[in-house]
Protein backbone atom coordinates (compact mmCIF):
# COMPACT_ATOMS: atom_id res chain seq x y z
CA MET A 1 106.36 -57.30 -47.36
CA ARG A 2 107.34 -59.22 -44.10
CA ALA A 3 104.64 -58.83 -41.00
CA SER A 4 105.78 -56.45 -38.43
CA ARG A 5 106.20 -57.94 -35.00
CA SER A 6 103.16 -56.42 -33.29
CA GLN A 7 101.21 -58.08 -35.90
CA ARG A 8 102.15 -61.79 -35.82
CA GLY A 9 99.81 -64.14 -34.33
CA MET A 10 99.56 -66.37 -31.32
CA SER A 11 101.71 -69.53 -31.88
CA LEU A 12 99.59 -73.24 -31.21
CA VAL A 13 101.89 -73.89 -28.03
CA GLU A 14 101.11 -70.06 -26.55
CA ILE A 15 96.88 -71.07 -26.94
CA ILE A 16 97.67 -74.68 -25.38
CA THR A 17 99.85 -72.72 -22.63
CA VAL A 18 97.06 -70.31 -22.04
CA LEU A 19 94.65 -72.67 -22.33
CA ALA A 20 95.83 -75.01 -19.69
CA VAL A 21 96.03 -71.84 -17.29
CA VAL A 22 92.58 -70.45 -17.89
CA SER A 23 91.56 -74.26 -17.20
CA VAL A 24 94.05 -74.53 -13.89
CA LEU A 25 92.15 -71.51 -12.89
CA MET A 26 88.73 -72.56 -13.38
CA ILE A 27 88.96 -75.75 -11.43
CA VAL A 28 90.27 -73.71 -8.83
CA VAL A 29 87.51 -71.45 -8.55
CA TYR A 30 85.26 -74.05 -9.20
CA LYS A 31 86.91 -75.95 -6.41
CA LEU A 32 86.48 -72.77 -4.15
CA LEU A 33 82.79 -72.20 -5.03
CA ASP A 34 81.81 -75.53 -4.21
CA ASP A 35 83.61 -76.10 -1.00
CA ALA A 36 81.52 -72.38 -0.08
CA MET A 37 78.52 -73.67 -1.40
CA ARG A 38 79.17 -77.18 0.65
CA ALA A 39 79.84 -75.20 3.71
CA SER A 40 76.53 -72.68 3.60
CA MET A 41 74.44 -75.97 3.09
CA PHE A 42 75.89 -77.53 6.15
CA GLY A 43 75.58 -74.37 8.07
CA GLU A 44 71.94 -74.23 6.81
CA SER A 45 71.10 -77.30 7.36
CA HIS A 46 72.46 -77.49 11.22
CA ASN A 47 70.98 -74.65 11.57
CA ASP A 48 67.63 -75.32 10.42
CA MET A 49 67.64 -79.12 11.74
CA THR A 50 68.53 -77.51 15.54
CA ILE A 51 65.34 -75.07 15.04
CA MET A 52 62.96 -77.65 13.93
CA THR A 53 64.11 -80.49 16.51
CA GLN A 54 63.99 -78.21 19.38
CA ARG A 55 60.57 -76.46 18.48
CA VAL A 56 59.01 -80.00 18.34
CA VAL A 57 60.48 -81.24 21.54
CA ASN A 58 59.43 -78.16 23.40
CA ARG A 59 56.06 -78.44 21.90
CA LEU A 60 55.83 -81.84 23.25
CA GLN A 61 57.03 -81.27 26.08
CA GLY A 62 53.88 -78.55 27.08
CA GLU A 63 51.33 -80.63 25.78
CA ILE A 64 52.35 -83.47 28.40
CA MET A 65 52.27 -80.96 30.96
CA GLN A 66 48.64 -80.31 30.18
CA SER A 67 47.45 -83.93 29.54
CA ARG A 68 45.08 -86.21 32.17
CA VAL A 69 46.06 -89.30 30.43
CA ALA A 70 48.72 -91.08 28.72
CA TYR A 71 48.16 -94.38 27.26
CA GLN A 72 50.74 -97.43 26.81
CA GLU A 73 50.76 -100.24 25.06
CA ASP A 74 48.31 -102.56 26.29
CA ALA A 75 45.06 -103.33 26.04
CA THR A 76 43.11 -100.23 26.97
CA GLY A 77 46.30 -98.81 25.07
CA SER A 78 45.54 -100.50 22.05
CA GLY A 79 42.01 -100.21 21.68
CA TYR A 80 42.19 -96.27 22.39
CA ARG A 81 44.73 -96.17 19.44
CA ALA A 82 42.47 -98.99 17.41
CA ALA A 83 39.31 -96.46 17.51
CA LEU A 84 41.21 -93.36 16.12
CA GLN A 85 39.75 -92.34 12.60
CA LEU A 86 43.30 -91.37 11.41
CA PRO A 87 43.59 -90.47 7.54
CA ALA A 88 44.74 -92.68 5.24
CA SER A 89 47.43 -90.86 3.70
CA PRO A 90 50.18 -90.42 4.77
CA VAL A 91 51.20 -93.86 5.63
CA ARG A 92 51.91 -94.81 9.19
CA TRP A 93 54.87 -95.71 10.04
CA GLY A 94 54.82 -99.78 10.10
CA ASP A 95 56.21 -100.69 13.15
CA THR A 96 54.77 -97.62 15.65
CA LEU A 97 54.21 -98.91 19.22
CA LEU A 98 53.62 -96.64 22.45
CA PRO A 99 55.84 -96.78 25.61
CA VAL A 100 55.28 -98.81 28.21
CA PHE A 101 55.13 -97.16 31.66
CA GLN A 102 58.06 -98.03 34.15
CA THR A 103 57.97 -97.20 37.91
CA GLU A 104 61.87 -96.54 38.03
CA THR A 105 62.22 -92.82 38.29
CA THR A 106 65.14 -92.76 36.27
CA LEU A 107 64.72 -92.62 31.95
CA ASP A 108 67.91 -94.97 31.55
CA PRO A 109 67.72 -96.75 28.06
CA ASP A 110 65.71 -100.00 27.84
CA ALA A 111 67.49 -102.77 29.54
CA GLY A 112 66.39 -105.10 26.49
CA ASN A 113 63.72 -105.75 23.93
CA GLY A 114 60.50 -108.07 24.16
CA VAL A 115 59.17 -107.71 27.73
CA ASP A 116 61.78 -105.39 28.61
CA ARG A 117 60.88 -102.95 26.04
CA ARG A 118 60.15 -99.70 27.93
CA ALA A 119 60.45 -96.60 25.13
CA GLY A 120 57.90 -96.11 21.84
CA ASN A 121 58.05 -94.28 18.98
CA SER A 122 54.74 -92.94 19.09
CA LEU A 123 52.37 -91.01 22.14
CA LEU A 124 48.70 -91.13 22.60
CA ILE A 125 47.50 -88.42 25.27
CA VAL A 126 44.26 -86.51 26.50
CA ARG A 127 44.70 -82.90 26.78
CA GLN A 128 42.70 -81.46 29.50
CA LEU A 129 41.25 -78.22 27.80
CA GLU A 130 40.49 -74.76 29.52
CA PRO A 131 36.87 -75.33 30.97
CA LEU A 132 33.88 -73.99 28.87
CA SER A 133 31.88 -71.67 31.49
CA VAL A 134 27.97 -72.53 30.71
CA MET A 135 25.82 -70.05 32.21
CA TYR A 136 21.84 -72.00 33.32
CA ASP A 137 18.96 -71.22 35.22
CA ASN A 138 19.22 -73.64 38.28
CA ASP A 139 15.89 -72.96 39.86
CA ALA A 140 13.47 -71.75 36.78
CA ASN A 141 13.45 -68.41 38.40
CA PRO A 142 13.92 -65.40 35.73
CA ALA A 143 14.21 -63.34 38.63
CA THR A 144 17.54 -65.25 39.84
CA PRO A 145 20.83 -65.01 38.28
CA ASP A 146 22.15 -67.73 36.27
CA VAL A 147 24.68 -70.21 37.59
CA GLU A 148 27.61 -70.85 36.00
CA PHE A 149 28.97 -74.11 35.60
CA MET A 150 32.67 -75.00 34.13
CA ALA A 151 32.81 -77.41 31.91
CA ASP A 152 35.71 -79.60 31.72
CA ARG A 153 36.64 -80.52 28.26
CA TYR A 154 39.18 -83.22 26.51
CA ARG A 155 40.99 -83.64 23.24
CA PHE A 156 42.95 -86.82 21.88
CA GLU A 157 45.65 -86.23 20.59
CA TYR A 158 48.43 -88.68 18.86
CA GLU A 159 51.90 -88.05 17.61
CA TYR A 160 53.22 -90.61 15.21
CA LEU A 161 55.61 -91.34 12.55
CA VAL A 162 54.68 -91.37 8.72
CA SER A 163 56.30 -92.16 5.47
CA ASN A 164 55.50 -89.65 3.12
CA THR A 165 55.66 -90.10 -0.48
CA ALA A 166 55.63 -86.73 -1.44
CA ARG A 167 59.26 -86.53 -1.68
CA SER A 168 62.09 -89.16 -1.92
CA PHE A 169 64.66 -89.02 0.61
CA GLY A 170 68.31 -90.43 -0.52
CA GLY A 171 66.34 -92.81 -2.94
CA ALA A 172 64.45 -94.32 -0.35
CA GLY A 173 61.37 -93.28 -2.31
CA PHE A 174 59.83 -91.34 1.00
CA TYR A 175 60.45 -89.15 3.85
CA LEU A 176 59.68 -89.82 7.51
CA ASP A 177 57.49 -87.21 9.22
CA LEU A 178 55.99 -86.91 12.80
CA MET A 179 52.05 -86.32 12.67
CA GLU A 180 49.58 -84.73 15.01
CA SER A 181 46.43 -86.17 15.03
CA ARG A 182 43.61 -84.14 17.35
CA SER A 183 40.35 -85.56 18.13
CA PHE A 184 36.95 -83.48 18.48
CA GLU A 185 36.07 -82.10 22.03
CA TYR A 186 34.55 -84.94 24.38
CA ALA A 187 32.82 -83.47 27.76
CA ASP A 188 33.50 -85.15 31.21
CA TYR A 189 31.10 -87.75 32.13
CA PHE A 190 32.32 -88.14 34.98
CA GLN A 191 31.16 -84.49 35.99
CA LEU A 192 28.00 -84.76 34.20
CA LYS A 193 26.43 -87.53 35.77
CA GLY A 194 26.51 -85.84 39.28
CA LEU A 195 23.94 -83.51 37.67
CA THR A 196 20.46 -83.75 37.97
CA PRO A 197 17.78 -84.19 35.15
CA SER A 198 16.75 -80.76 35.09
CA GLN A 199 20.85 -79.51 35.11
CA LEU A 200 21.60 -81.67 32.36
CA GLN A 201 18.64 -80.39 30.40
CA SER A 202 19.86 -76.97 30.48
CA VAL A 203 23.96 -77.77 30.43
CA VAL A 204 24.04 -80.06 28.00
CA PRO A 205 21.99 -77.98 24.98
CA LYS A 206 24.86 -75.45 25.76
CA LEU A 207 27.75 -78.03 25.00
CA GLN A 208 26.44 -79.29 22.24
CA ALA A 209 26.07 -75.75 20.80
CA ALA A 210 29.73 -75.27 21.46
CA GLY A 211 30.42 -77.98 19.08
CA ILE A 212 30.95 -80.91 21.59
CA ALA A 213 28.50 -84.47 20.94
CA ARG A 214 29.96 -86.95 23.26
CA ALA A 215 31.34 -87.35 26.99
CA TRP A 216 34.22 -89.65 27.76
CA ASP A 217 34.78 -91.25 31.17
CA PRO A 218 38.18 -91.16 32.25
CA GLY A 219 39.93 -94.20 33.16
CA GLN A 220 37.60 -96.25 31.39
CA ALA A 221 38.35 -98.61 28.99
CA ILE A 222 37.28 -97.30 25.11
CA ASP A 223 33.92 -100.01 25.05
CA SER A 224 32.71 -98.52 28.31
CA ALA A 225 34.09 -94.91 28.20
CA MET A 226 32.03 -93.01 25.61
CA TYR A 227 28.54 -91.33 25.46
CA ASP A 228 26.45 -89.75 23.19
CA LEU A 229 24.87 -86.27 24.69
CA ALA A 230 21.91 -86.51 22.74
CA PRO A 231 20.29 -88.64 25.66
CA ALA A 232 22.11 -86.46 28.44
CA ALA A 233 20.10 -83.20 26.59
CA ALA A 234 16.67 -84.93 27.61
CA GLY A 235 17.83 -85.39 30.86
CA ALA A 236 19.36 -88.79 31.36
CA PHE A 237 22.53 -90.62 29.85
CA GLY A 238 22.12 -93.70 27.89
CA THR A 239 24.34 -96.62 28.20
CA SER A 240 28.16 -96.41 26.93
CA LEU A 241 28.52 -96.71 23.11
CA ASN A 242 29.63 -100.05 21.65
CA LYS A 243 32.71 -99.97 20.04
CA PRO A 244 33.08 -96.26 19.31
CA GLN A 245 35.02 -94.56 16.92
CA ILE A 246 37.17 -91.72 17.69
CA ALA A 247 36.85 -88.54 15.03
CA ILE A 248 39.67 -86.41 14.44
CA ALA A 249 39.13 -83.29 13.67
CA LYS A 250 42.71 -81.87 12.15
CA THR A 251 46.25 -83.87 11.24
CA THR A 252 49.10 -81.71 10.41
CA THR A 253 52.84 -82.43 10.69
CA LEU A 254 55.01 -81.05 13.97
CA LEU A 255 57.66 -80.09 11.39
CA PRO A 256 56.62 -77.53 8.63
CA ASP A 257 59.78 -76.78 7.81
CA MET A 258 61.20 -80.12 6.48
CA ARG A 259 60.27 -78.57 2.95
CA GLY A 260 63.41 -77.83 1.32
CA GLY A 261 65.21 -75.70 3.56
CA ARG A 262 64.44 -71.58 4.03
CA ILE A 263 67.14 -70.45 2.36
CA SER A 264 67.92 -72.38 -0.79
CA GLY A 265 65.23 -74.51 -0.92
CA ARG A 266 67.24 -76.98 -2.06
CA MET A 267 67.58 -79.26 1.50
CA ASP A 268 66.17 -82.80 1.56
CA TYR A 269 65.06 -83.36 5.19
CA SER A 270 63.65 -86.60 7.45
CA ILE A 271 63.60 -87.90 11.04
CA ALA A 272 66.27 -90.39 11.04
CA PHE A 273 65.71 -94.10 9.69
CA THR A 274 67.06 -96.86 7.99
CA PRO A 275 66.61 -97.41 4.67
CA SER A 276 65.18 -100.86 3.12
CA ALA A 277 68.20 -103.36 1.19
CA PRO A 278 69.78 -102.32 -1.67
CA LEU A 279 69.61 -98.72 0.02
CA LYS A 280 72.99 -98.90 2.31
CA ALA A 281 72.33 -97.05 5.84
CA PHE A 282 72.50 -93.32 6.42
CA VAL A 283 75.95 -92.22 7.64
CA ILE A 284 74.65 -89.73 10.20
CA ARG A 285 76.56 -88.36 13.29
CA HIS A 286 74.00 -88.89 15.55
CA PRO A 287 72.84 -92.14 17.24
CA MET A 288 69.48 -92.86 15.82
CA PHE A 289 67.87 -94.19 19.07
CA PHE A 290 69.33 -94.30 22.51
CA TYR A 291 66.24 -95.52 24.76
CA ALA A 292 65.03 -98.48 22.60
CA LYS A 293 67.25 -101.76 21.97
CA PRO A 294 67.19 -103.17 18.15
CA ASP A 295 64.40 -105.61 17.79
CA SER A 296 64.47 -108.13 14.61
CA THR A 297 60.44 -108.28 15.49
CA TYR A 298 60.29 -104.82 14.68
CA PRO A 299 62.65 -104.23 12.16
CA LYS A 300 61.44 -100.14 11.69
CA PHE A 301 61.29 -99.74 15.33
CA PRO A 302 61.58 -96.88 16.48
CA ALA A 303 63.67 -94.32 13.73
CA GLY A 304 64.40 -91.05 15.26
CA PHE A 305 61.45 -90.59 17.44
CA GLU A 306 61.92 -92.34 21.43
CA VAL A 307 59.54 -92.00 23.89
CA LYS A 308 60.00 -93.07 27.64
CA ILE A 309 57.72 -92.71 30.98
CA ALA A 310 58.95 -93.42 33.99
CA GLY A 311 57.70 -93.17 37.66
CA PRO A 312 54.81 -93.78 39.69
CA SER A 313 51.36 -92.65 38.59
CA GLY A 314 50.27 -89.41 39.28
CA HIS A 315 54.10 -87.87 39.30
CA ARG A 316 55.79 -89.23 36.34
CA LYS A 317 58.80 -88.25 33.91
CA VAL A 318 58.59 -88.24 30.22
CA GLY A 319 61.65 -88.48 28.07
CA MET A 320 61.27 -87.71 24.33
CA ARG A 321 64.13 -87.69 21.99
CA ILE A 322 63.74 -86.59 17.77
CA VAL A 323 66.72 -87.01 15.42
CA LEU A 324 66.63 -85.44 12.25
CA MET A 325 68.55 -86.20 9.09
CA SER A 326 69.23 -83.65 6.23
CA ASN A 327 70.74 -84.51 2.42
CA TYR A 328 71.82 -81.49 0.01
CA ARG A 329 74.48 -83.04 -2.08
CA ALA A 330 74.93 -87.39 -3.36
CA GLY A 331 76.37 -89.24 -0.13
CA THR A 332 76.33 -86.20 1.95
CA TYR A 333 74.24 -86.35 5.18
CA GLU A 334 73.93 -84.59 8.15
CA SER A 335 72.02 -85.11 11.59
CA GLN A 336 70.99 -82.99 14.51
CA GLN A 337 68.89 -84.18 17.78
CA GLY A 338 66.52 -82.61 20.05
CA PHE A 339 65.59 -84.23 23.61
CA VAL A 340 63.39 -82.88 26.31
CA THR A 341 62.12 -84.04 29.74
CA ALA A 342 58.73 -83.19 31.01
CA SER A 343 56.67 -83.73 34.35
CA ALA A 344 53.28 -85.09 33.96
CA ARG A 345 50.43 -85.90 36.38
CA PHE A 346 48.89 -88.53 34.73
């Protein structure tokens, strides 16, 4: 019997035609999905970087406004920086320089490098903390009320770039992060040395009980600025410490969100840097540096973090700029910058 027309199968030409149509549709759908994914990842990275850059520069602005001292790239600044007991890992960025103060009040880009360099890519300040209230018996008379002494306190803070090998950005083998190391607290030597021996015996033990073990003399070089409080607890300060070290109480990243994106978890972030050969430079929208000039003697300087300090002593302006970049697809990079100026009294 002959097969009915309804039972006849599909011919090879018809099958090939159907497969071709389905393949084209799948390609179109995939392209639409890929474009949508790229747009979504771009939006996520742009939003994340905008939030991160502004958050970190705003935080640094607050730190600057409460600082007593800032150090520059000179003998004094180098001495204090060398005394910092920074953690061994992650490793500090190779070409890390402090800014050099300029007397001009404008925060213009540097005229050049070498002796004309003013911009830096790290920041070392002494933050003035809220005074510590110390009540003590000033006259050895229990019938009279105790006297309040407002003890000044300080903390060294160092913001610097590190290469973190926990993740590889764009095949470089690391990503660039901005860290902050905070020292233990210091009392004010200049303030305490004005007390009488009996007052020192009353006040200093209470400072020690609050976790303060040393006093710092503002304005002095590192080799003549640090004093142990233990002798002062007996009524008199000893000599300044020889080659003192500044112990670090805490080191944290200023960009904790650089861990892969808050939505997709697929983002790869870094502070902007130029990779070493054979990798090609990352193509990003924002210039990596604005204040600094290229310097062949410091090939890694300044990367995507810049600090510039201008103006006369006591009335300085501090300009800070950071550039972040993201990589969420091979060969695709995005960037965002944050910028802030702050007034400083140092």
